[in-house]
C-alpha atoms as a PDB file:
ATOM      1  CA  MET A   1      -0.005  -0.102   0.190  1.00  0.00           C
ATOM      2  CA  SER A   2       1.505   3.573  -1.184  1.00  0.00           C
ATOM      3  CA  ALA A   3       1.145   6.545   1.131  1.00  0.00           C
ATOM      4  CA  PRO A   4      -1.254   8.873  -0.293  1.00  0.00           C
ATOM      5  CA  SER A   5       0.317  11.684  -2.116  1.00  0.00           C
ATOM      6  CA  ILE A   6      -0.293  15.466  -0.410  1.00  0.00           C
ATOM      7  CA  GLU A   7      -0.994  17.862  -2.829  1.00  0.00           C
ATOM      8  CA  THR A   8       0.005  21.298  -1.661  1.00  0.00           C
ATOM      9  CA  ARG A   9      -2.205  24.406  -2.898  1.00  0.00           C
ATOM     10  CA  PRO A  10       0.001  27.128  -4.533  1.00  0.00           C
ATOM     11  CA  SER A  11       0.248  30.813  -2.489  1.00  0.00           C
ATOM     12  CA  PHE A  12      -1.647  33.270  -3.623  1.00  0.00           C
ATOM     13  CA  TRP A  13       1.819  34.876  -4.714  1.00  0.00           C
ATOM     14  CA  GLN A  14       2.437  31.929  -6.851  1.00  0.00           C
ATOM     15  CA  ARG A  15      -1.045  31.871  -8.460  1.00  0.00           C
ATOM     16  CA  ARG A  16      -1.564  35.658  -8.592  1.00  0.00           C
ATOM     17  CA  ILE A  17       1.571  37.395  -9.786  1.00  0.00           C
ATOM     18  CA  VAL A  18       4.413  34.087 -10.770  1.00  0.00           C
ATOM     19  CA  ALA A  19       1.995  31.989 -12.751  1.00  0.00           C
ATOM     20  CA  PRO A  20       0.358  35.114 -15.253  1.00  0.00           C
ATOM     21  CA  LEU A  21       4.017  36.121 -15.787  1.00  0.00           C
ATOM     22  CA  ARG A  22       5.123  32.569 -16.573  1.00  0.00           C
ATOM     23  CA  ALA A  23       2.530  32.642 -18.965  1.00  0.00           C
ATOM     24  CA  GLN A  24       3.101  35.522 -20.517  1.00  0.00           C
ATOM     25  CA  LEU A  25       6.189  34.244 -21.414  1.00  0.00           C
ATOM     26  CA  THR A  26       5.065  31.475 -23.663  1.00  0.00           C
ATOM     27  CA  GLN A  27       2.931  34.383 -25.568  1.00  0.00           C
ATOM     28  CA  GLY A  28       5.706  35.785 -27.042  1.00  0.00           C
ATOM     29  CA  VAL A  29       6.651  38.882 -24.429  1.00  0.00           C
ATOM     30  CA  THR A  30       9.911  38.570 -23.343  1.00  0.00           C
ATOM     31  CA  PRO A  31      11.628  38.561 -20.408  1.00  0.00           C
ATOM     32  CA  ASP A  32      13.332  42.356 -21.016  1.00  0.00           C
ATOM     33  CA  GLN A  33       9.313  43.580 -22.337  1.00  0.00           C
ATOM     34  CA  LEU A  34       8.216  42.016 -18.828  1.00  0.00           C
ATOM     35  CA  ALA A  35      10.258  43.787 -16.824  1.00  0.00           C
ATOM     36  CA  LEU A  36       9.793  46.906 -18.393  1.00  0.00           C
ATOM     37  CA  THR A  37       6.069  46.303 -18.437  1.00  0.00           C
ATOM     38  CA  VAL A  38       6.274  46.101 -14.958  1.00  0.00           C
ATOM     39  CA  ALA A  39       8.709  48.867 -13.833  1.00  0.00           C
ATOM     40  CA  VAL A  40       6.645  51.772 -16.318  1.00  0.00           C
ATOM     41  CA  GLY A  41       3.170  49.982 -14.644  1.00  0.00           C
ATOM     42  CA  THR A  42       4.541  50.821 -11.148  1.00  0.00           C
ATOM     43  CA  ALA A  43       5.392  54.539 -12.424  1.00  0.00           C
ATOM     44  CA  CYS A  44       2.085  56.048 -13.953  1.00  0.00           C
ATOM     45  CA  SER A  45       0.202  53.377 -10.869  1.00  0.00           C
ATOM     46  CA  VAL A  46       1.826  55.519  -8.463  1.00  0.00           C
ATOM     47  CA  LEU A  47       0.851  58.824  -9.903  1.00  0.00           C
ATOM     48  CA  PRO A  48      -0.563  61.236  -7.187  1.00  0.00           C
ATOM     49  CA  PHE A  49      -3.834  61.654  -8.200  1.00  0.00           C
ATOM     50  CA  LEU A  50      -6.652  60.053  -7.789  1.00  0.00           C
ATOM     51  CA  GLY A  51      -8.459  58.443 -11.015  1.00  0.00           C
ATOM     52  CA  PHE A  52      -6.061  59.014 -13.421  1.00  0.00           C
ATOM     53  CA  THR A  53      -3.761  55.784 -12.946  1.00  0.00           C
ATOM     54  CA  THR A  54      -5.777  53.647 -15.645  1.00  0.00           C
ATOM     55  CA  LEU A  55      -5.932  56.230 -18.184  1.00  0.00           C
ATOM     56  CA  LEU A  56      -2.095  56.866 -18.026  1.00  0.00           C
ATOM     57  CA  ASN A  57      -1.587  52.984 -17.651  1.00  0.00           C
ATOM     58  CA  ILE A  58      -3.906  52.561 -21.056  1.00  0.00           C
ATOM     59  CA  ALA A  59      -2.263  55.572 -22.689  1.00  0.00           C
ATOM     60  CA  VAL A  60       1.625  55.078 -22.128  1.00  0.00           C
ATOM     61  CA  GLY A  61       0.689  51.107 -22.711  1.00  0.00           C
ATOM     62  CA  LEU A  62      -0.735  52.200 -26.212  1.00  0.00           C
ATOM     63  CA  TRP A  63       2.483  54.397 -27.211  1.00  0.00           C
ATOM     64  CA  LEU A  64       4.910  52.232 -25.793  1.00  0.00           C
ATOM     65  CA  ARG A  65       3.324  49.000 -26.715  1.00  0.00           C
ATOM     66  CA  LEU A  66       3.222  47.062 -23.697  1.00  0.00           C
ATOM     67  CA  ASN A  67       0.924  43.745 -22.300  1.00  0.00           C
ATOM     68  CA  HIS A  68      -2.375  45.755 -20.810  1.00  0.00           C
ATOM     69  CA  PRO A  69      -3.387  42.764 -18.692  1.00  0.00           C
ATOM     70  CA  ILE A  70      -0.017  43.155 -16.502  1.00  0.00           C
ATOM     71  CA  LEU A  71       0.050  46.929 -16.541  1.00  0.00           C
ATOM     72  CA  GLN A  72      -3.313  46.998 -15.154  1.00  0.00           C
ATOM     73  CA  THR A  73      -2.618  44.035 -12.615  1.00  0.00           C
ATOM     74  CA  VAL A  74       0.532  46.114 -11.740  1.00  0.00           C
ATOM     75  CA  ASN A  75      -2.027  49.692 -11.346  1.00  0.00           C
ATOM     76  CA  TYR A  76      -4.522  47.711  -9.066  1.00  0.00           C
ATOM     77  CA  LEU A  77      -1.759  45.583  -6.776  1.00  0.00           C
ATOM     78  CA  LEU A  78      -0.689  48.986  -5.862  1.00  0.00           C
ATOM     79  CA  GLY A  79      -3.470  51.054  -5.437  1.00  0.00           C
ATOM     80  CA  ALA A  80      -2.439  51.175  -1.350  1.00  0.00           C
ATOM     81  CA  VAL A  81       0.766  52.211  -2.111  1.00  0.00           C
ATOM     82  CA  GLN A  82      -0.160  54.926  -4.566  1.00  0.00           C
ATOM     83  CA  LEU A  83      -2.407  56.329  -1.485  1.00  0.00           C
ATOM     84  CA  ALA A  84       0.230  55.888   1.035  1.00  0.00           C
ATOM     85  CA  LEU A  85       2.949  58.052  -1.758  1.00  0.00           C
ATOM     86  CA  ILE A  86       0.801  60.920  -2.376  1.00  0.00           C
ATOM     87  CA  LEU A  87       1.514  62.873   1.266  1.00  0.00           C
ATOM     88  CA  VAL A  88       5.421  62.024   0.207  1.00  0.00           C
ATOM     89  CA  TYR A  89       4.792  63.464  -3.244  1.00  0.00           C
ATOM     90  CA  VAL A  90       3.158  66.946  -1.760  1.00  0.00           C
ATOM     91  CA  ARG A  91       5.927  67.620   0.675  1.00  0.00           C
ATOM     92  CA  ALA A  92       8.378  66.385  -2.043  1.00  0.00           C
ATOM     93  CA  GLY A  93       6.905  69.087  -4.214  1.00  0.00           C
ATOM     94  CA  GLU A  94       6.663  71.541  -1.520  1.00  0.00           C
ATOM     95  CA  LEU A  95      11.029  71.598  -1.376  1.00  0.00           C
ATOM     96  CA  ILE A  96      10.768  71.245  -4.634  1.00  0.00           C
ATOM     97  CA  TRP A  97       8.772  74.855  -5.528  1.00  0.00           C
ATOM     98  CA  ARG A  98      10.186  76.309  -2.258  1.00  0.00           C
ATOM     99  CA  ALA A  99       6.362  76.038  -1.146  1.00  0.00           C
ATOM    100  CA  PRO A 100       4.810  77.046   2.206  1.00  0.00           C
ATOM    101  CA  HIS A 101       3.636  73.598   3.802  1.00  0.00           C
ATOM    102  CA  LEU A 102       0.001  72.919   3.511  1.00  0.00           C
ATOM    103  CA  PRO A 103      -1.318  71.597   6.237  1.00  0.00           C
ATOM    104  CA  LEU A 104      -3.383  68.105   4.477  1.00  0.00           C
ATOM    105  CA  SER A 105      -5.483  67.189   8.080  1.00  0.00           C
ATOM    106  CA  LEU A 106      -9.394  65.866   6.512  1.00  0.00           C
ATOM    107  CA  SER A 107     -11.480  68.131   8.656  1.00  0.00           C
ATOM    108  CA  GLN A 108      -9.309  71.115   7.785  1.00  0.00           C
ATOM    109  CA  LEU A 109      -9.921  70.362   3.892  1.00  0.00           C
ATOM    110  CA  THR A 110     -13.241  69.827   3.803  1.00  0.00           C
ATOM    111  CA  ALA A 111     -13.882  73.623   6.214  1.00  0.00           C
ATOM    112  CA  ASP A 112     -11.872  75.047   3.853  1.00  0.00           C
ATOM    113  CA  PHE A 113     -13.898  73.795   0.888  1.00  0.00           C
ATOM    114  CA  ARG A 114     -17.279  74.901   2.623  1.00  0.00           C
ATOM    115  CA  ALA A 115     -16.078  78.049   3.320  1.00  0.00           C
ATOM    116  CA  ASP A 116     -15.210  78.911  -0.234  1.00  0.00           C
ATOM    117  CA  PRO A 117     -14.806  76.214  -2.998  1.00  0.00           C
ATOM    118  CA  ARG A 118     -13.597  78.996  -5.678  1.00  0.00           C
ATOM    119  CA  GLY A 119     -10.541  79.936  -3.574  1.00  0.00           C
ATOM    120  CA  PHE A 120      -9.696  75.873  -2.113  1.00  0.00           C
ATOM    121  CA  PHE A 121      -9.393  74.786  -5.778  1.00  0.00           C
ATOM    122  CA  GLY A 122      -7.097  77.603  -6.649  1.00  0.00           C
ATOM    123  CA  ARG A 123      -5.145  76.929  -3.468  1.00  0.00           C
ATOM    124  CA  PHE A 124      -5.091  73.311  -4.091  1.00  0.00           C
ATOM    125  CA  ALA A 125      -3.920  73.336  -7.786  1.00  0.00           C
ATOM    126  CA  TRP A 126      -0.956  74.207  -6.524  1.00  0.00           C
ATOM    127  CA  THR A 127      -0.186  71.358  -4.138  1.00  0.00           C
ATOM    128  CA  GLY A 128      -1.180  69.352  -7.005  1.00  0.00           C
ATOM    129  CA  VAL A 129       1.674  71.128  -8.992  1.00  0.00           C
ATOM    130  CA  HIS A 130       3.929  70.452  -6.456  1.00  0.00           C
ATOM    131  CA  ALA A 131       2.514  66.670  -5.910  1.00  0.00           C
ATOM    132  CA  GLY A 132       2.927  66.133  -9.864  1.00  0.00           C
ATOM    133  CA  THR A 133       6.135  67.651 -10.300  1.00  0.00           C
ATOM    134  CA  ALA A 134       7.773  65.551  -7.575  1.00  0.00           C
ATOM    135  CA  TRP A 135       6.330  62.635  -9.434  1.00  0.00           C
ATOM    136  CA  LEU A 136       7.810  63.238 -12.724  1.00  0.00           C
ATOM    137  CA  ILE A 137      11.153  63.992 -11.348  1.00  0.00           C
ATOM    138  CA  SER A 138      10.814  60.272  -9.356  1.00  0.00           C
ATOM    139  CA  VAL A 139       9.587  58.404 -13.077  1.00  0.00           C
ATOM    140  CA  PRO A 140      13.032  57.646 -14.690  1.00  0.00           C
ATOM    141  CA  LEU A 141      14.588  56.745 -11.201  1.00  0.00           C
ATOM    142  CA  ILE A 142      11.166  54.186 -10.604  1.00  0.00           C
ATOM    143  CA  VAL A 143      11.620  52.884 -14.017  1.00  0.00           C
ATOM    144  CA  GLY A 144      15.509  52.371 -14.596  1.00  0.00           C
ATOM    145  CA  VAL A 145      15.437  51.009 -10.873  1.00  0.00           C
ATOM    146  CA  LEU A 146      12.519  48.292 -11.610  1.00  0.00           C
ATOM    147  CA  TYR A 147      13.954  47.705 -14.883  1.00  0.00           C
ATOM    148  CA  PHE A 148      17.424  46.799 -14.297  1.00  0.00           C
ATOM    149  CA  SER A 149      16.232  44.857 -10.927  1.00  0.00           C
ATOM    150  CA  LEU A 150      13.489  42.979 -12.704  1.00  0.00           C
ATOM    151  CA  ARG A 151      14.848  41.686 -15.630  1.00  0.00           C
ATOM    152  CA  PRO A 152      17.253  39.390 -14.300  1.00  0.00           C
ATOM    153  CA  ALA A 153      14.779  37.777 -12.503  1.00  0.00           C
ATOM    154  CA  MET A 154      12.466  37.377 -15.183  1.00  0.00           C
ATOM    155  CA  ARG A 155      15.701  36.020 -17.514  1.00  0.00           C
ATOM    156  CA  ARG A 156      15.535  33.918 -14.509  1.00  0.00           C
ATOM    157  CA  LEU A 157      11.930  33.090 -14.740  1.00  0.00           C
ATOM    158  CA  ALA A 158      12.013  32.270 -18.606  1.00  0.00           C
ATOM    159  CA  ALA A 159      15.101  29.883 -18.360  1.00  0.00           C
ATOM    160  CA  LEU A 160      13.214  28.288 -15.767  1.00  0.00           C
ATOM    161  CA  ARG A 161      10.030  27.581 -18.012  1.00  0.00           C
ATOM    162  CA  ASN A 162      11.914  26.564 -21.012  1.00  0.00           C
ATOM    163  CA  GLU A 163      13.697  23.891 -19.027  1.00  0.00           C
ATOM    164  CA  ASN A 164      10.127  22.559 -17.474  1.00  0.00           C
ATOM    165  CA  ASP A 165       8.810  23.196 -21.464  1.00  0.00           C
ATOM    166  CA  ARG A 166      11.915  20.422 -22.232  1.00  0.00           C
END
């Protein structure tokens, strides 16, 4: 009598990240294209303006002919990171522009908006300019670091896939 084999269920990471990346490598996406897609998708997905990352990923993906399912997957996975970085980009932009420190408490922002909506948007628009400037400066760094660090991993993943196919 033989012992029953115990099948291990793949982890969330293996099912949702590794397996789709491996599948892309078998569908004509090169490891370098895959690394570039993840790097560019990451940079686009941390744009400090809520609601625009999906459109930005679509536009950049069409322009650079990147894999859209991977771009959007990266975008959705980084939603919490985007929220966390908004304040970082605002503060970095204030330093770059040498702008006064804008208090960003929800209660204060709500009170300012209710008191003077037009003036609020005028003041807050500059905060968007500050955050956008900091983000634009960070994009080449994000893409470069991620691309050159992910490329060897993607090449290893492709090599493993090729070995398993033999």
